[in-house]
Amino acid sequence: MTQSLEPPPPPSTPSPLVDERQMALIIYILFLAPLGGLTHVIGLIMAYVARDSAPPWLQSHYTYLIRTFWMGLLYFVIALVLCALLIGFALLPLVFLWFIVRCAVGLMRLFRNEAIPHPETWTI
């Protein structure tokens, strides 16, 4: 009785199509989606979940995204309250512009594999 000894299968290697930046890219896209609130909350949850296991340069992106959500919400609420004084109607478009520019800056750095230098800043 002879047994044929087959070599063990090769260890699995990550697919070259899988990129560690994908989760951050998805969150940026969710933040920029025109559906607004729901996609922002989903992106926020995903950023909180992914932040701890990410490499340090990507952790800066997740922190930046989390801060973008909370600061954007704060700016939006302030502008909404100020609509009673008519000032908010001018501030609301500025809040949306700030949010879009902040996401665009993050995306540019993500595509260049760069960390966000100051992810906790209130500015762009």
Protein backbone atom coordinates (compact mmCIF):
# COMPACT_ATOMS: atom_id res chain seq x y z
CA MET A 1 0.00 0.00 0.00
CA THR A 2 1.62 3.17 -1.12
CA GLN A 3 0.42 6.60 -0.31
CA SER A 4 0.96 9.39 -2.70
CA LEU A 5 2.28 12.41 -0.91
CA GLU A 6 1.09 15.57 -2.52
CA PRO A 7 2.78 18.82 -1.66
CA PRO A 8 0.71 21.14 0.50
CA PRO A 9 -1.10 23.91 -1.30
CA PRO A 10 0.82 27.17 -1.53
CA PRO A 11 -0.03 29.73 1.14
CA SER A 12 -2.68 32.17 0.10
CA THR A 13 -1.40 35.58 -0.83
CA PRO A 14 -3.45 38.72 -0.91
CA SER A 15 -4.90 39.54 -4.27
CA PRO A 16 -3.09 42.34 -6.10
CA LEU A 17 -6.52 43.89 -6.65
CA VAL A 18 -7.07 44.30 -2.92
CA ASP A 19 -5.76 47.62 -1.72
CA GLU A 20 -5.57 48.78 1.88
CA ARG A 21 -6.90 52.15 0.75
CA GLN A 22 -10.23 50.72 -0.44
CA MET A 23 -12.11 51.21 2.84
CA ALA A 24 -11.05 54.85 3.11
CA LEU A 25 -11.98 55.40 -0.54
CA ILE A 26 -15.43 53.92 0.05
CA ILE A 27 -15.96 56.20 3.05
CA TYR A 28 -14.92 59.29 1.08
CA ILE A 29 -17.39 58.26 -1.63
CA LEU A 30 -20.13 57.76 0.97
CA PHE A 31 -19.43 61.23 2.34
CA LEU A 32 -19.71 62.74 -1.14
CA ALA A 33 -22.83 60.76 -2.11
CA PRO A 34 -25.82 62.99 -2.80
CA LEU A 35 -28.03 61.01 -0.41
CA GLY A 36 -26.49 62.91 2.47
CA GLY A 37 -27.25 61.96 6.06
CA LEU A 38 -27.68 58.20 5.78
CA THR A 39 -24.51 57.64 3.77
CA HIS A 40 -22.60 59.96 6.10
CA VAL A 41 -23.62 57.94 9.16
CA ILE A 42 -22.69 54.67 7.43
CA GLY A 43 -19.31 56.15 6.49
CA LEU A 44 -18.79 57.39 10.05
CA ILE A 45 -19.42 53.92 11.48
CA MET A 46 -17.10 52.35 8.92
CA ALA A 47 -14.35 54.86 9.77
CA TYR A 48 -14.62 54.11 13.49
CA VAL A 49 -14.46 50.35 12.80
CA ALA A 50 -11.53 50.52 10.34
CA ARG A 51 -9.37 53.05 12.19
CA ASP A 52 -7.83 50.77 14.83
CA SER A 53 -6.63 48.05 12.44
CA ALA A 54 -5.29 50.39 9.74
CA PRO A 55 -1.65 51.35 9.24
CA PRO A 56 -0.73 54.71 10.82
CA TRP A 57 -0.92 56.71 7.58
CA LEU A 58 -4.44 55.42 6.94
CA GLN A 59 -5.44 55.98 10.57
CA SER A 60 -4.87 59.66 9.89
CA HIS A 61 -7.41 59.47 7.06
CA TYR A 62 -10.00 57.76 9.27
CA THR A 63 -9.46 60.34 12.02
CA TYR A 64 -9.80 63.08 9.39
CA LEU A 65 -13.04 61.54 8.09
CA ILE A 66 -14.48 61.19 11.60
CA ARG A 67 -13.59 64.80 12.40
CA THR A 68 -15.03 65.92 9.06
CA PHE A 69 -18.35 64.31 9.92
CA TRP A 70 -18.64 65.79 13.42
CA MET A 71 -17.40 69.26 12.44
CA GLY A 72 -19.64 69.27 9.38
CA LEU A 73 -22.62 68.36 11.53
CA LEU A 74 -21.77 71.12 14.00
CA TYR A 75 -21.34 73.71 11.22
CA PHE A 76 -24.59 72.57 9.59
CA VAL A 77 -26.58 72.88 12.84
CA ILE A 78 -25.12 76.34 13.55
CA ALA A 79 -25.95 77.51 10.01
CA LEU A 80 -29.44 76.02 10.31
CA VAL A 81 -30.08 77.87 13.57
CA LEU A 82 -28.76 81.08 12.04
CA CYS A 83 -31.29 80.76 9.21
CA ALA A 84 -33.70 82.37 11.67
CA LEU A 85 -31.54 85.48 11.37
CA LEU A 86 -31.20 85.01 7.62
CA ILE A 87 -27.40 84.69 7.97
CA GLY A 88 -27.66 80.90 7.84
CA PHE A 89 -28.94 80.94 4.27
CA ALA A 90 -25.56 82.30 3.20
CA LEU A 91 -23.65 79.97 5.54
CA LEU A 92 -25.29 76.70 4.44
CA PRO A 93 -23.67 76.69 0.97
CA LEU A 94 -20.33 77.53 2.60
CA VAL A 95 -20.69 74.55 4.95
CA PHE A 96 -21.38 72.25 2.00
CA LEU A 97 -18.44 73.70 0.09
CA TRP A 98 -16.15 73.25 3.12
CA PHE A 99 -17.28 69.61 3.41
CA ILE A 100 -16.69 68.86 -0.28
CA VAL A 101 -13.28 70.55 -0.36
CA ARG A 102 -12.21 68.72 2.78
CA CYS A 103 -13.19 65.38 1.24
CA ALA A 104 -11.43 66.28 -2.03
CA VAL A 105 -8.22 67.14 -0.17
CA GLY A 106 -8.42 63.82 1.68
CA LEU A 107 -9.00 61.91 -1.56
CA MET A 108 -6.01 63.57 -3.23
CA ARG A 109 -3.77 62.60 -0.33
CA LEU A 110 -5.22 59.07 -0.29
CA PHE A 111 -4.45 58.56 -3.99
CA ARG A 112 -0.87 59.76 -3.38
CA ASN A 113 -0.53 57.36 -0.39
CA GLU A 114 0.07 60.31 1.92
CA ALA A 115 -1.07 60.69 5.49
CA ILE A 116 -3.18 63.65 6.54
CA PRO A 117 -0.62 65.92 8.30
CA HIS A 118 -3.06 67.34 10.86
CA PRO A 119 -6.16 65.11 10.89
CA GLU A 120 -7.72 66.82 13.90
CA THR A 121 -7.69 70.33 12.45
CA TRP A 122 -10.92 72.33 12.12
CA THR A 123 -9.78 73.83 8.85
CA ILE A 124 -9.24 72.23 5.49
